[in-house]
């Protein structure tokens, strides 16, 4: 085998490995063990599975209201009655796209945060 053939084979193998790694991440749409932790005032309010589509309403005694949507393995702040709406603009998080900055969506005025707890990260 010539050197050129070896380079082509090595490149093909590298591409196959990369494709396999990417496809396994893309196909992961929130397994049964992946959880969404919702916190209010820094305290755990509720943990819900990332793979169960639902809208969660958080109503606080002070009138603060947030709606969190989990759909197709993604989670985002659907709406909030805060003035600036930064939390709604932060986008969504999923197992393949952990989300904005530190992997947390935060509504500062209402003191509500959303964090992903992925089973793959807990196992090691």
PDB file of N, CA and C in Angstrom:
ATOM      1  N   UNK A   1       0.824  -1.171   0.000  1.00  0.00           N
ATOM      2  CA  UNK A   1       0.000   0.000   0.000  1.00  0.00           C
ATOM      3  C   UNK A   1       0.876   1.245   0.000  1.00  0.00           C
ATOM      4  N   UNK A   2       0.442   2.213  -0.782  1.00  0.00           N
ATOM      5  CA  UNK A   2       1.187   3.460  -0.842  1.00  0.00           C
ATOM      6  C   UNK A   2       0.763   4.382   0.296  1.00  0.00           C
ATOM      7  N   UNK A   3       1.593   5.367   0.535  1.00  0.00           N
ATOM      8  CA  UNK A   3       1.345   6.331   1.608  1.00  0.00           C
ATOM      9  C   UNK A   3       0.027   7.066   1.369  1.00  0.00           C
ATOM     10  N   UNK A   4      -0.232   7.392   0.124  1.00  0.00           N
ATOM     11  CA  UNK A   4      -1.459   8.113  -0.225  1.00  0.00           C
ATOM     12  C   UNK A   4      -2.701   7.286   0.116  1.00  0.00           C
ATOM     13  N   UNK A   5      -2.655   5.982  -0.167  1.00  0.00           N
ATOM     14  CA  UNK A   5      -3.780   5.096   0.156  1.00  0.00           C
ATOM     15  C   UNK A   5      -4.014   5.033   1.666  1.00  0.00           C
ATOM     16  N   UNK A   6      -2.941   4.992   2.432  1.00  0.00           N
ATOM     17  CA  UNK A   6      -3.049   4.948   3.892  1.00  0.00           C
ATOM     18  C   UNK A   6      -3.712   6.225   4.427  1.00  0.00           C
ATOM     19  N   UNK A   7      -3.345   7.357   3.849  1.00  0.00           N
ATOM     20  CA  UNK A   7      -3.935   8.630   4.274  1.00  0.00           C
ATOM     21  C   UNK A   7      -5.428   8.649   3.978  1.00  0.00           C
ATOM     22  N   UNK A   8      -5.825   8.171   2.819  1.00  0.00           N
ATOM     23  CA  UNK A   8      -7.245   8.139   2.440  1.00  0.00           C
ATOM     24  C   UNK A   8      -8.026   7.220   3.371  1.00  0.00           C
ATOM     25  N   UNK A   9      -7.468   6.055   3.686  1.00  0.00           N
ATOM     26  CA  UNK A   9      -8.131   5.118   4.588  1.00  0.00           C
ATOM     27  C   UNK A   9      -8.260   5.719   5.987  1.00  0.00           C
ATOM     28  N   UNK A  10      -7.203   6.345   6.475  1.00  0.00           N
ATOM     29  CA  UNK A  10      -7.236   6.964   7.805  1.00  0.00           C
ATOM     30  C   UNK A  10      -8.270   8.084   7.856  1.00  0.00           C
ATOM     31  N   UNK A  11      -8.344   8.881   6.800  1.00  0.00           N
ATOM     32  CA  UNK A  11      -9.324   9.970   6.753  1.00  0.00           C
ATOM     33  C   UNK A  11     -10.747   9.420   6.727  1.00  0.00           C
ATOM     34  N   UNK A  12     -10.971   8.360   5.974  1.00  0.00           N
ATOM     35  CA  UNK A  12     -12.290   7.749   5.901  1.00  0.00           C
ATOM     36  C   UNK A  12     -12.707   7.184   7.261  1.00  0.00           C
ATOM     37  N   UNK A  13     -11.768   6.557   7.955  1.00  0.00           N
ATOM     38  CA  UNK A  13     -12.064   6.025   9.291  1.00  0.00           C
ATOM     39  C   UNK A  13     -12.367   7.146  10.276  1.00  0.00           C
ATOM     40  N   UNK A  14     -11.610   8.219  10.207  1.00  0.00           N
ATOM     41  CA  UNK A  14     -11.846   9.357  11.099  1.00  0.00           C
ATOM     42  C   UNK A  14     -13.227   9.961  10.849  1.00  0.00           C
ATOM     43  N   UNK A  15     -13.603  10.112   9.594  1.00  0.00           N
ATOM     44  CA  UNK A  15     -14.928  10.637   9.257  1.00  0.00           C
ATOM     45  C   UNK A  15     -16.039   9.712   9.750  1.00  0.00           C
ATOM     46  N   UNK A  16     -15.835   8.410   9.639  1.00  0.00           N
ATOM     47  CA  UNK A  16     -16.833   7.453  10.105  1.00  0.00           C
ATOM     48  C   UNK A  16     -17.002   7.546  11.622  1.00  0.00           C
ATOM     49  N   UNK A  17     -15.908   7.686  12.345  1.00  0.00           N
ATOM     50  CA  UNK A  17     -15.983   7.826  13.799  1.00  0.00           C
ATOM     51  C   UNK A  17     -16.681   9.112  14.199  1.00  0.00           C
ATOM     52  N   UNK A  18     -16.376  10.190  13.524  1.00  0.00           N
ATOM     53  CA  UNK A  18     -17.024  11.472  13.812  1.00  0.00           C
ATOM     54  C   UNK A  18     -18.523  11.389  13.523  1.00  0.00           C
ATOM     55  N   UNK A  19     -18.881  10.786  12.399  1.00  0.00           N
ATOM     56  CA  UNK A  19     -20.298  10.640  12.047  1.00  0.00           C
ATOM     57  C   UNK A  19     -21.032   9.799  13.076  1.00  0.00           C
ATOM     58  N   UNK A  20     -20.414   8.741  13.569  1.00  0.00           N
ATOM     59  CA  UNK A  20     -21.042   7.894  14.575  1.00  0.00           C
ATOM     60  C   UNK A  20     -21.251   8.661  15.881  1.00  0.00           C
ATOM     61  N   UNK A  21     -20.269   9.443  16.272  1.00  0.00           N
ATOM     62  CA  UNK A  21     -20.381  10.217  17.512  1.00  0.00           C
ATOM     63  C   UNK A  21     -21.475  11.274  17.405  1.00  0.00           C
ATOM     64  N   UNK A  22     -21.514  11.974  16.275  1.00  0.00           N
ATOM     65  CA  UNK A  22     -22.522  13.019  16.073  1.00  0.00           C
ATOM     66  C   UNK A  22     -23.914  12.406  16.012  1.00  0.00           C
ATOM     67  N   UNK A  23     -24.078  11.304  15.309  1.00  0.00           N
ATOM     68  CA  UNK A  23     -25.411  10.712  15.194  1.00  0.00           C
ATOM     69  C   UNK A  23     -25.916  10.205  16.535  1.00  0.00           C
ATOM     70  N   UNK A  24     -25.038   9.694  17.391  1.00  0.00           N
ATOM     71  CA  UNK A  24     -25.501   9.235  18.699  1.00  0.00           C
ATOM     72  C   UNK A  24     -25.973  10.405  19.543  1.00  0.00           C
ATOM     73  N   UNK A  25     -25.347  11.584  19.425  1.00  0.00           N
ATOM     74  CA  UNK A  25     -25.790  12.775  20.164  1.00  0.00           C
ATOM     75  C   UNK A  25     -27.094  13.320  19.584  1.00  0.00           C
ATOM     76  N   UNK A  26     -27.221  13.308  18.254  1.00  0.00           N
ATOM     77  CA  UNK A  26     -28.425  13.836  17.608  1.00  0.00           C
ATOM     78  C   UNK A  26     -29.634  12.966  17.921  1.00  0.00           C
ATOM     79  N   UNK A  27     -29.439  11.656  17.974  1.00  0.00           N
ATOM     80  CA  UNK A  27     -30.551  10.755  18.235  1.00  0.00           C
ATOM     81  C   UNK A  27     -30.992  10.782  19.689  1.00  0.00           C
ATOM     82  N   UNK A  28     -30.166  11.317  20.572  1.00  0.00           N
ATOM     83  CA  UNK A  28     -30.516  11.396  21.987  1.00  0.00           C
ATOM     84  C   UNK A  28     -31.439  12.591  22.190  1.00  0.00           C
ATOM     85  N   UNK A  29     -32.722  12.315  22.399  1.00  0.00           N
ATOM     86  CA  UNK A  29     -33.707  13.397  22.525  1.00  0.00           C
ATOM     87  C   UNK A  29     -34.301  13.433  23.917  1.00  0.00           C
ATOM     88  N   UNK A  30     -33.523  13.166  24.888  1.00  0.00           N
ATOM     89  CA  UNK A  30     -34.033  13.198  26.251  1.00  0.00           C
ATOM     90  C   UNK A  30     -34.490  11.822  26.679  1.00  0.00           C
ATOM     91  N   UNK A  31     -33.599  11.084  27.279  1.00  0.00           N
ATOM     92  CA  UNK A  31     -33.930   9.747  27.743  1.00  0.00           C
ATOM     93  C   UNK A  31     -34.763   9.794  29.011  1.00  0.00           C
ATOM     94  N   UNK A  32     -35.236   8.623  29.415  1.00  0.00           N
ATOM     95  CA  UNK A  32     -36.103   8.526  30.585  1.00  0.00           C
ATOM     96  C   UNK A  32     -35.403   9.000  31.852  1.00  0.00           C
ATOM     97  N   UNK A  33     -34.081   8.955  31.886  1.00  0.00           N
ATOM     98  CA  UNK A  33     -33.349   9.349  33.083  1.00  0.00           C
ATOM     99  C   UNK A  33     -32.921  10.812  33.061  1.00  0.00           C
ATOM    100  N   UNK A  34     -33.063  11.495  31.935  1.00  0.00           N
ATOM    101  CA  UNK A  34     -32.718  12.916  31.853  1.00  0.00           C
ATOM    102  C   UNK A  34     -33.832  13.727  32.505  1.00  0.00           C
ATOM    103  N   UNK A  35     -33.438  14.664  33.367  1.00  0.00           N
ATOM    104  CA  UNK A  35     -34.424  15.408  34.152  1.00  0.00           C
ATOM    105  C   UNK A  35     -34.263  16.919  33.968  1.00  0.00           C
ATOM    106  N   UNK A  36     -35.356  17.616  34.192  1.00  0.00           N
ATOM    107  CA  UNK A  36     -35.376  19.075  34.232  1.00  0.00           C
ATOM    108  C   UNK A  36     -35.636  19.466  35.679  1.00  0.00           C
ATOM    109  N   UNK A  37     -34.697  20.179  36.268  1.00  0.00           N
ATOM    110  CA  UNK A  37     -34.872  20.667  37.637  1.00  0.00           C
ATOM    111  C   UNK A  37     -35.347  22.114  37.588  1.00  0.00           C
ATOM    112  N   UNK A  38     -36.497  22.368  38.171  1.00  0.00           N
ATOM    113  CA  UNK A  38     -37.060  23.713  38.236  1.00  0.00           C
ATOM    114  C   UNK A  38     -36.899  24.203  39.669  1.00  0.00           C
ATOM    115  N   UNK A  39     -36.305  25.373  39.810  1.00  0.00           N
ATOM    116  CA  UNK A  39     -36.069  25.930  41.143  1.00  0.00           C
ATOM    117  C   UNK A  39     -36.753  27.291  41.267  1.00  0.00           C
ATOM    118  N   UNK A  40     -37.289  27.547  42.448  1.00  0.00           N
ATOM    119  CA  UNK A  40     -37.875  28.837  42.779  1.00  0.00           C
ATOM    120  C   UNK A  40     -37.170  29.321  44.039  1.00  0.00           C
ATOM    121  N   UNK A  41     -36.626  30.511  43.977  1.00  0.00           N
ATOM    122  CA  UNK A  41     -35.864  31.073  45.104  1.00  0.00           C
ATOM    123  C   UNK A  41     -34.705  30.165  45.508  1.00  0.00           C
ATOM    124  N   UNK A  42     -34.112  29.477  44.533  1.00  0.00           N
ATOM    125  CA  UNK A  42     -32.972  28.607  44.796  1.00  0.00           C
ATOM    126  C   UNK A  42     -33.326  27.252  45.364  1.00  0.00           C
ATOM    127  N   UNK A  43     -34.596  27.010  45.636  1.00  0.00           N
ATOM    128  CA  UNK A  43     -35.052  25.737  46.198  1.00  0.00           C
ATOM    129  C   UNK A  43     -35.722  24.913  45.101  1.00  0.00           C
ATOM    130  N   UNK A  44     -35.485  23.600  45.122  1.00  0.00           N
ATOM    131  CA  UNK A  44     -36.094  22.724  44.133  1.00  0.00           C
ATOM    132  C   UNK A  44     -37.614  22.789  44.235  1.00  0.00           C
ATOM    133  N   UNK A  45     -38.240  23.161  43.144  1.00  0.00           N
ATOM    134  CA  UNK A  45     -39.695  23.259  43.065  1.00  0.00           C
ATOM    135  C   UNK A  45     -40.265  21.943  42.539  1.00  0.00           C
ATOM    136  N   UNK A  46     -39.613  21.433  41.451  1.00  0.00           N
ATOM    137  CA  UNK A  46     -40.077  20.196  40.834  1.00  0.00           C
ATOM    138  C   UNK A  46     -38.996  19.665  39.907  1.00  0.00           C
ATOM    139  N   UNK A  47     -38.875  18.335  39.840  1.00  0.00           N
ATOM    140  CA  UNK A  47     -38.033  17.655  38.861  1.00  0.00           C
ATOM    141  C   UNK A  47     -38.952  16.867  37.950  1.00  0.00           C
ATOM    142  N   UNK A  48     -38.811  17.089  36.656  1.00  0.00           N
ATOM    143  CA  UNK A  48     -39.681  16.411  35.696  1.00  0.00           C
ATOM    144  C   UNK A  48     -38.830  15.797  34.593  1.00  0.00           C
ATOM    145  N   UNK A  49     -39.279  14.689  34.004  1.00  0.00           N
ATOM    146  CA  UNK A  49     -38.516  14.044  32.934  1.00  0.00           C
ATOM    147  C   UNK A  49     -38.460  14.916  31.677  1.00  0.00           C
ATOM    148  N   UNK A  50     -37.306  14.908  31.044  1.00  0.00           N
ATOM    149  CA  UNK A  50     -37.109  15.676  29.803  1.00  0.00           C
ATOM    150  C   UNK A  50     -37.844  15.047  28.630  1.00  0.00           C
ATOM    151  N   UNK A  51     -38.214  13.783  28.744  1.00  0.00           N
ATOM    152  CA  UNK A  51     -38.849  13.112  27.606  1.00  0.00           C
ATOM    153  C   UNK A  51     -40.374  13.106  27.660  1.00  0.00           C
ATOM    154  N   UNK A  52     -40.966  13.808  28.633  1.00  0.00           N
ATOM    155  CA  UNK A  52     -42.428  13.891  28.723  1.00  0.00           C
ATOM    156  C   UNK A  52     -42.897  15.298  28.371  1.00  0.00           C
ATOM    157  N   UNK A  53     -43.574  15.430  27.237  1.00  0.00           N
ATOM    158  CA  UNK A  53     -44.067  16.740  26.794  1.00  0.00           C
ATOM    159  C   UNK A  53     -45.099  17.277  27.778  1.00  0.00           C
ATOM    160  N   UNK A  54     -44.905  18.527  28.206  1.00  0.00           N
ATOM    161  CA  UNK A  54     -45.844  19.155  29.135  1.00  0.00           C
ATOM    162  C   UNK A  54     -45.537  20.637  29.280  1.00  0.00           C
ATOM    163  N   UNK A  55     -46.507  21.363  29.799  1.00  0.00           N
ATOM    164  CA  UNK A  55     -46.323  22.759  30.174  1.00  0.00           C
ATOM    165  C   UNK A  55     -46.537  22.846  31.681  1.00  0.00           C
ATOM    166  N   UNK A  56     -45.566  23.427  32.368  1.00  0.00           N
ATOM    167  CA  UNK A  56     -45.620  23.548  33.825  1.00  0.00           C
ATOM    168  C   UNK A  56     -45.860  25.013  34.172  1.00  0.00           C
ATOM    169  N   UNK A  57     -46.867  25.252  34.973  1.00  0.00           N
ATOM    170  CA  UNK A  57     -47.171  26.611  35.413  1.00  0.00           C
ATOM    171  C   UNK A  57     -46.673  26.788  36.840  1.00  0.00           C
ATOM    172  N   UNK A  58     -45.935  27.867  37.054  1.00  0.00           N
ATOM    173  CA  UNK A  58     -45.462  28.206  38.386  1.00  0.00           C
ATOM    174  C   UNK A  58     -46.117  29.517  38.781  1.00  0.00           C
ATOM    175  N   UNK A  59     -46.992  29.448  39.782  1.00  0.00           N
ATOM    176  CA  UNK A  59     -47.648  30.640  40.325  1.00  0.00           C
ATOM    177  C   UNK A  59     -47.128  30.848  41.734  1.00  0.00           C
ATOM    178  N   UNK A  60     -46.622  32.042  41.989  1.00  0.00           N
ATOM    179  CA  UNK A  60     -46.103  32.357  43.312  1.00  0.00           C
ATOM    180  C   UNK A  60     -47.058  33.302  44.040  1.00  0.00           C
ATOM    181  N   UNK A  61     -46.939  33.325  45.355  1.00  0.00           N
ATOM    182  CA  UNK A  61     -47.809  34.172  46.176  1.00  0.00           C
ATOM    183  C   UNK A  61     -47.680  35.657  45.849  1.00  0.00           C
ATOM    184  N   UNK A  62     -46.515  36.060  45.336  1.00  0.00           N
ATOM    185  CA  UNK A  62     -46.289  37.476  45.024  1.00  0.00           C
ATOM    186  C   UNK A  62     -46.847  37.870  43.649  1.00  0.00           C
ATOM    187  N   UNK A  63     -47.525  36.946  42.972  1.00  0.00           N
ATOM    188  CA  UNK A  63     -48.119  37.234  41.677  1.00  0.00           C
ATOM    189  C   UNK A  63     -47.255  36.844  40.486  1.00  0.00           C
ATOM    190  N   UNK A  64     -46.038  36.400  40.734  1.00  0.00           N
ATOM    191  CA  UNK A  64     -45.146  35.976  39.647  1.00  0.00           C
ATOM    192  C   UNK A  64     -45.676  34.687  39.015  1.00  0.00           C
ATOM    193  N   UNK A  65     -45.682  34.678  37.682  1.00  0.00           N
ATOM    194  CA  UNK A  65     -46.148  33.505  36.945  1.00  0.00           C
ATOM    195  C   UNK A  65     -45.152  33.189  35.841  1.00  0.00           C
ATOM    196  N   UNK A  66     -44.751  31.921  35.754  1.00  0.00           N
ATOM    197  CA  UNK A  66     -43.886  31.430  34.692  1.00  0.00           C
ATOM    198  C   UNK A  66     -44.508  30.171  34.105  1.00  0.00           C
ATOM    199  N   UNK A  67     -44.352  29.991  32.805  1.00  0.00           N
ATOM    200  CA  UNK A  67     -44.759  28.763  32.132  1.00  0.00           C
ATOM    201  C   UNK A  67     -43.526  28.168  31.470  1.00  0.00           C
ATOM    202  N   UNK A  68     -43.260  26.917  31.782  1.00  0.00           N
ATOM    203  CA  UNK A  68     -42.112  26.203  31.237  1.00  0.00           C
ATOM    204  C   UNK A  68     -42.648  25.089  30.357  1.00  0.00           C
ATOM    205  N   UNK A  69     -42.112  25.018  29.118  1.00  0.00           N
ATOM    206  CA  UNK A  69     -42.577  23.990  28.187  1.00  0.00           C
ATOM    207  C   UNK A  69     -41.474  22.971  27.947  1.00  0.00           C
ATOM    208  N   UNK A  70     -41.854  21.699  28.062  1.00  0.00           N
ATOM    209  CA  UNK A  70     -40.979  20.587  27.690  1.00  0.00           C
ATOM    210  C   UNK A  70     -41.642  19.920  26.500  1.00  0.00           C
ATOM    211  N   UNK A  71     -40.913  19.874  25.382  1.00  0.00           N
ATOM    212  CA  UNK A  71     -41.487  19.299  24.162  1.00  0.00           C
ATOM    213  C   UNK A  71     -40.372  18.729  23.295  1.00  0.00           C
ATOM    214  N   UNK A  72     -40.554  17.513  22.832  1.00  0.00           N
ATOM    215  CA  UNK A  72     -39.607  16.847  21.934  1.00  0.00           C
ATOM    216  C   UNK A  72     -38.178  16.851  22.490  1.00  0.00           C
ATOM    217  N   UNK A  73     -38.042  16.630  23.781  1.00  0.00           N
ATOM    218  CA  UNK A  73     -36.714  16.545  24.382  1.00  0.00           C
ATOM    219  C   UNK A  73     -36.020  17.879  24.584  1.00  0.00           C
ATOM    220  N   UNK A  74     -36.769  18.978  24.507  1.00  0.00           N
ATOM    221  CA  UNK A  74     -36.205  20.307  24.764  1.00  0.00           C
ATOM    222  C   UNK A  74     -37.044  21.000  25.841  1.00  0.00           C
ATOM    223  N   UNK A  75     -36.436  21.967  26.496  1.00  0.00           N
ATOM    224  CA  UNK A  75     -37.146  22.730  27.524  1.00  0.00           C
ATOM    225  C   UNK A  75     -36.839  24.206  27.332  1.00  0.00           C
ATOM    226  N   UNK A  76     -37.842  25.052  27.531  1.00  0.00           N
ATOM    227  CA  UNK A  76     -37.638  26.501  27.463  1.00  0.00           C
ATOM    228  C   UNK A  76     -38.699  27.214  28.292  1.00  0.00           C
ATOM    229  N   UNK A  77     -38.404  28.474  28.586  1.00  0.00           N
ATOM    230  CA  UNK A  77     -39.372  29.311  29.305  1.00  0.00           C
ATOM    231  C   UNK A  77     -40.362  29.803  28.256  1.00  0.00           C
ATOM    232  N   UNK A  78     -41.561  29.303  28.324  1.00  0.00           N
ATOM    233  CA  UNK A  78     -42.596  29.647  27.346  1.00  0.00           C
ATOM    234  C   UNK A  78     -43.025  31.103  27.517  1.00  0.00           C
ATOM    235  N   UNK A  79     -43.316  31.500  28.746  1.00  0.00           N
ATOM    236  CA  UNK A  79     -43.635  32.895  29.027  1.00  0.00           C
ATOM    237  C   UNK A  79     -43.486  33.166  30.514  1.00  0.00           C
ATOM    238  N   UNK A  80     -43.424  34.436  30.823  1.00  0.00           N
ATOM    239  CA  UNK A  80     -43.295  34.889  32.208  1.00  0.00           C
ATOM    240  C   UNK A  80     -43.908  36.277  32.302  1.00  0.00           C
ATOM    241  N   UNK A  81     -44.412  36.629  33.481  1.00  0.00           N
ATOM    242  CA  UNK A  81     -44.999  37.960  33.616  1.00  0.00           C
ATOM    243  C   UNK A  81     -43.991  38.982  34.139  1.00  0.00           C
ATOM    244  N   UNK A  82     -42.705  38.704  33.948  1.00  0.00           N
ATOM    245  CA  UNK A  82     -41.666  39.670  34.328  1.00  0.00           C
ATOM    246  C   UNK A  82     -41.549  40.738  33.240  1.00  0.00           C
ATOM    247  N   UNK A  83     -40.955  41.850  33.585  1.00  0.00           N
ATOM    248  CA  UNK A  83     -40.905  42.997  32.678  1.00  0.00           C
ATOM    249  C   UNK A  83     -39.939  42.813  31.511  1.00  0.00           C
ATOM    250  N   UNK A  84     -38.767  42.228  31.757  1.00  0.00           N
ATOM    251  CA  UNK A  84     -37.746  42.244  30.710  1.00  0.00           C
ATOM    252  C   UNK A  84     -37.775  41.066  29.740  1.00  0.00           C
ATOM    253  N   UNK A  85     -38.375  39.946  30.102  1.00  0.00           N
ATOM    254  CA  UNK A  85     -38.528  38.776  29.231  1.00  0.00           C
ATOM    255  C   UNK A  85     -37.203  38.156  28.783  1.00  0.00           C
ATOM    256  N   UNK A  86     -36.118  38.425  29.496  1.00  0.00           N
ATOM    257  CA  UNK A  86     -34.826  37.819  29.148  1.00  0.00           C
ATOM    258  C   UNK A  86     -34.893  36.299  29.195  1.00  0.00           C
ATOM    259  N   UNK A  87     -35.620  35.756  30.159  1.00  0.00           N
ATOM    260  CA  UNK A  87     -35.710  34.303  30.308  1.00  0.00           C
ATOM    261  C   UNK A  87     -36.365  33.655  29.090  1.00  0.00           C
ATOM    262  N   UNK A  88     -37.349  34.311  28.524  1.00  0.00           N
ATOM    263  CA  UNK A  88     -38.039  33.792  27.340  1.00  0.00           C
ATOM    264  C   UNK A  88     -37.104  33.848  26.131  1.00  0.00           C
ATOM    265  N   UNK A  89     -36.276  34.889  26.075  1.00  0.00           N
ATOM    266  CA  UNK A  89     -35.354  35.075  24.954  1.00  0.00           C
ATOM    267  C   UNK A  89     -34.121  34.177  25.030  1.00  0.00           C
ATOM    268  N   UNK A  90     -33.900  33.494  26.145  1.00  0.00           N
ATOM    269  CA  UNK A  90     -32.704  32.668  26.314  1.00  0.00           C
ATOM    270  C   UNK A  90     -32.714  31.424  25.444  1.00  0.00           C
ATOM    271  N   UNK A  91     -33.839  31.062  24.887  1.00  0.00           N
ATOM    272  CA  UNK A  91     -33.908  29.905  24.004  1.00  0.00           C
ATOM    273  C   UNK A  91     -34.194  28.618  24.755  1.00  0.00           C
ATOM    274  N   UNK A  92     -33.858  27.499  24.126  1.00  0.00           N
ATOM    275  CA  UNK A  92     -34.177  26.204  24.695  1.00  0.00           C
ATOM    276  C   UNK A  92     -32.912  25.408  25.006  1.00  0.00           C
ATOM    277  N   UNK A  93     -33.102  24.381  25.811  1.00  0.00           N
ATOM    278  CA  UNK A  93     -32.019  23.467  26.167  1.00  0.00           C
ATOM    279  C   UNK A  93     -32.462  22.043  25.860  1.00  0.00           C
ATOM    280  N   UNK A  94     -31.502  21.208  25.497  1.00  0.00           N
ATOM    281  CA  UNK A  94     -31.762  19.788  25.280  1.00  0.00           C
ATOM    282  C   UNK A  94     -30.480  19.023  25.576  1.00  0.00           C
ATOM    283  N   UNK A  95     -30.558  17.718  25.460  1.00  0.00           N
ATOM    284  CA  UNK A  95     -29.379  16.893  25.712  1.00  0.00           C
ATOM    285  C   UNK A  95     -28.261  17.197  24.713  1.00  0.00           C
ATOM    286  N   UNK A  96     -28.619  17.577  23.485  1.00  0.00           N
ATOM    287  CA  UNK A  96     -27.585  17.864  22.495  1.00  0.00           C
ATOM    288  C   UNK A  96     -27.206  19.335  22.444  1.00  0.00           C
ATOM    289  N   UNK A  97     -28.053  20.183  22.994  1.00  0.00           N
ATOM    290  CA  UNK A  97     -27.750  21.617  23.071  1.00  0.00           C
ATOM    291  C   UNK A  97     -28.062  22.080  24.487  1.00  0.00           C
ATOM    292  N   UNK A  98     -27.042  22.053  25.375  1.00  0.00           N
ATOM    293  CA  UNK A  98     -27.296  22.329  26.781  1.00  0.00           C
ATOM    294  C   UNK A  98     -27.790  23.732  27.093  1.00  0.00           C
ATOM    295  N   UNK A  99     -27.780  24.610  26.128  1.00  0.00           N
ATOM    296  CA  UNK A  99     -28.427  25.885  26.369  1.00  0.00           C
ATOM    297  C   UNK A  99     -27.503  27.066  26.542  1.00  0.00           C
ATOM    298  N   UNK A 100     -28.073  28.148  27.016  1.00  0.00           N
ATOM    299  CA  UNK A 100     -27.365  29.411  27.128  1.00  0.00           C
ATOM    300  C   UNK A 100     -26.290  29.391  28.204  1.00  0.00           C
ATOM    301  N   UNK A 101     -25.212  30.004  27.919  1.00  0.00           N
ATOM    302  CA  UNK A 101     -24.091  30.220  28.845  1.00  0.00           C
ATOM    303  C   UNK A 101     -23.761  29.039  29.724  1.00  0.00           C
ATOM    304  N   UNK A 102     -24.348  28.958  30.879  1.00  0.00           N
ATOM    305  CA  UNK A 102     -23.969  27.935  31.850  1.00  0.00           C
ATOM    306  C   UNK A 102     -24.965  26.785  31.923  1.00  0.00           C
ATOM    307  N   UNK A 103     -25.784  26.607  30.898  1.00  0.00           N
ATOM    308  CA  UNK A 103     -26.757  25.531  30.896  1.00  0.00           C
ATOM    309  C   UNK A 103     -27.916  25.754  31.847  1.00  0.00           C
ATOM    310  N   UNK A 104     -28.233  27.022  32.102  1.00  0.00           N
ATOM    311  CA  UNK A 104     -29.332  27.362  33.002  1.00  0.00           C
ATOM    312  C   UNK A 104     -30.144  28.490  32.372  1.00  0.00           C
ATOM    313  N   UNK A 105     -31.448  28.359  32.416  1.00  0.00           N
ATOM    314  CA  UNK A 105     -32.334  29.449  32.016  1.00  0.00           C
ATOM    315  C   UNK A 105     -32.859  30.068  33.306  1.00  0.00           C
ATOM    316  N   UNK A 106     -32.728  31.388  33.416  1.00  0.00           N
ATOM    317  CA  UNK A 106     -33.074  32.058  34.668  1.00  0.00           C
ATOM    318  C   UNK A 106     -34.014  33.231  34.409  1.00  0.00           C
ATOM    319  N   UNK A 107     -35.069  33.289  35.212  1.00  0.00           N
ATOM    320  CA  UNK A 107     -35.939  34.459  35.269  1.00  0.00           C
ATOM    321  C   UNK A 107     -35.591  35.159  36.579  1.00  0.00           C
ATOM    322  N   UNK A 108     -34.719  36.144  36.510  1.00  0.00           N
ATOM    323  CA  UNK A 108     -34.248  36.815  37.724  1.00  0.00           C
ATOM    324  C   UNK A 108     -35.361  37.533  38.492  1.00  0.00           C
ATOM    325  N   UNK A 109     -36.232  38.300  37.812  1.00  0.00           N
ATOM    326  CA  UNK A 109     -37.279  39.004  38.578  1.00  0.00           C
ATOM    327  C   UNK A 109     -38.200  38.051  39.350  1.00  0.00           C
ATOM    328  N   UNK A 110     -38.508  36.891  38.754  1.00  0.00           N
ATOM    329  CA  UNK A 110     -39.413  35.939  39.400  1.00  0.00           C
ATOM    330  C   UNK A 110     -38.662  34.873  40.204  1.00  0.00           C
ATOM    331  N   UNK A 111     -37.336  34.898  40.127  1.00  0.00           N
ATOM    332  CA  UNK A 111     -36.475  33.954  40.861  1.00  0.00           C
ATOM    333  C   UNK A 111     -36.768  32.502  40.513  1.00  0.00           C
ATOM    334  N   UNK A 112     -36.915  32.232  39.209  1.00  0.00           N
ATOM    335  CA  UNK A 112     -37.180  30.882  38.709  1.00  0.00           C
ATOM    336  C   UNK A 112     -36.017  30.480  37.812  1.00  0.00           C
ATOM    337  N   UNK A 113     -35.527  29.263  37.985  1.00  0.00           N
ATOM    338  CA  UNK A 113     -34.457  28.772  37.121  1.00  0.00           C
ATOM    339  C   UNK A 113     -34.787  27.366  36.627  1.00  0.00           C
ATOM    340  N   UNK A 114     -34.239  27.050  35.452  1.00  0.00           N
ATOM    341  CA  UNK A 114     -34.410  25.742  34.826  1.00  0.00           C
ATOM    342  C   UNK A 114     -33.015  25.189  34.573  1.00  0.00           C
ATOM    343  N   UNK A 115     -32.768  23.973  35.036  1.00  0.00           N
ATOM    344  CA  UNK A 115     -31.476  23.318  34.819  1.00  0.00           C
ATOM    345  C   UNK A 115     -31.715  21.914  34.288  1.00  0.00           C
ATOM    346  N   UNK A 116     -30.823  21.461  33.397  1.00  0.00           N
ATOM    347  CA  UNK A 116     -30.879  20.083  32.921  1.00  0.00           C
ATOM    348  C   UNK A 116     -29.994  19.212  33.802  1.00  0.00           C
ATOM    349  N   UNK A 117     -30.475  18.038  34.104  1.00  0.00           N
ATOM    350  CA  UNK A 117     -29.676  17.036  34.816  1.00  0.00           C
ATOM    351  C   UNK A 117     -29.685  15.800  33.927  1.00  0.00           C
ATOM    352  N   UNK A 118     -28.616  15.662  33.107  1.00  0.00           N
ATOM    353  CA  UNK A 118     -28.552  14.585  32.129  1.00  0.00           C
ATOM    354  C   UNK A 118     -27.953  13.331  32.745  1.00  0.00           C
ATOM    355  N   UNK A 119     -28.572  12.199  32.471  1.00  0.00           N
ATOM    356  CA  UNK A 119     -28.097  10.916  33.006  1.00  0.00           C
ATOM    357  C   UNK A 119     -26.674  10.626  32.523  1.00  0.00           C
ATOM    358  N   UNK A 120     -26.365  11.005  31.294  1.00  0.00           N
ATOM    359  CA  UNK A 120     -25.033  10.735  30.744  1.00  0.00           C
ATOM    360  C   UNK A 120     -23.951  11.496  31.507  1.00  0.00           C
ATOM    361  N   UNK A 121     -24.265  12.658  32.048  1.00  0.00           N
ATOM    362  CA  UNK A 121     -23.293  13.431  32.809  1.00  0.00           C
ATOM    363  C   UNK A 121     -23.131  12.887  34.225  1.00  0.00           C
ATOM    364  N   UNK A 122     -24.194  12.307  34.766  1.00  0.00           N
ATOM    365  CA  UNK A 122     -24.144  11.765  36.125  1.00  0.00           C
ATOM    366  C   UNK A 122     -23.352  10.477  36.181  1.00  0.00           C
ATOM    367  N   UNK A 123     -23.386   9.715  35.079  1.00  0.00           N
ATOM    368  CA  UNK A 123     -22.694   8.422  35.067  1.00  0.00           C
ATOM    369  C   UNK A 123     -21.207   8.563  34.862  1.00  0.00           C
ATOM    370  N   UNK A 124     -20.804   9.714  34.418  1.00  0.00           N
ATOM    371  CA  UNK A 124     -19.387   9.845  34.378  1.00  0.00           C
ATOM    372  C   UNK A 124     -18.788  10.520  33.274  1.00  0.00           C
TER     373      UNK A 124
END
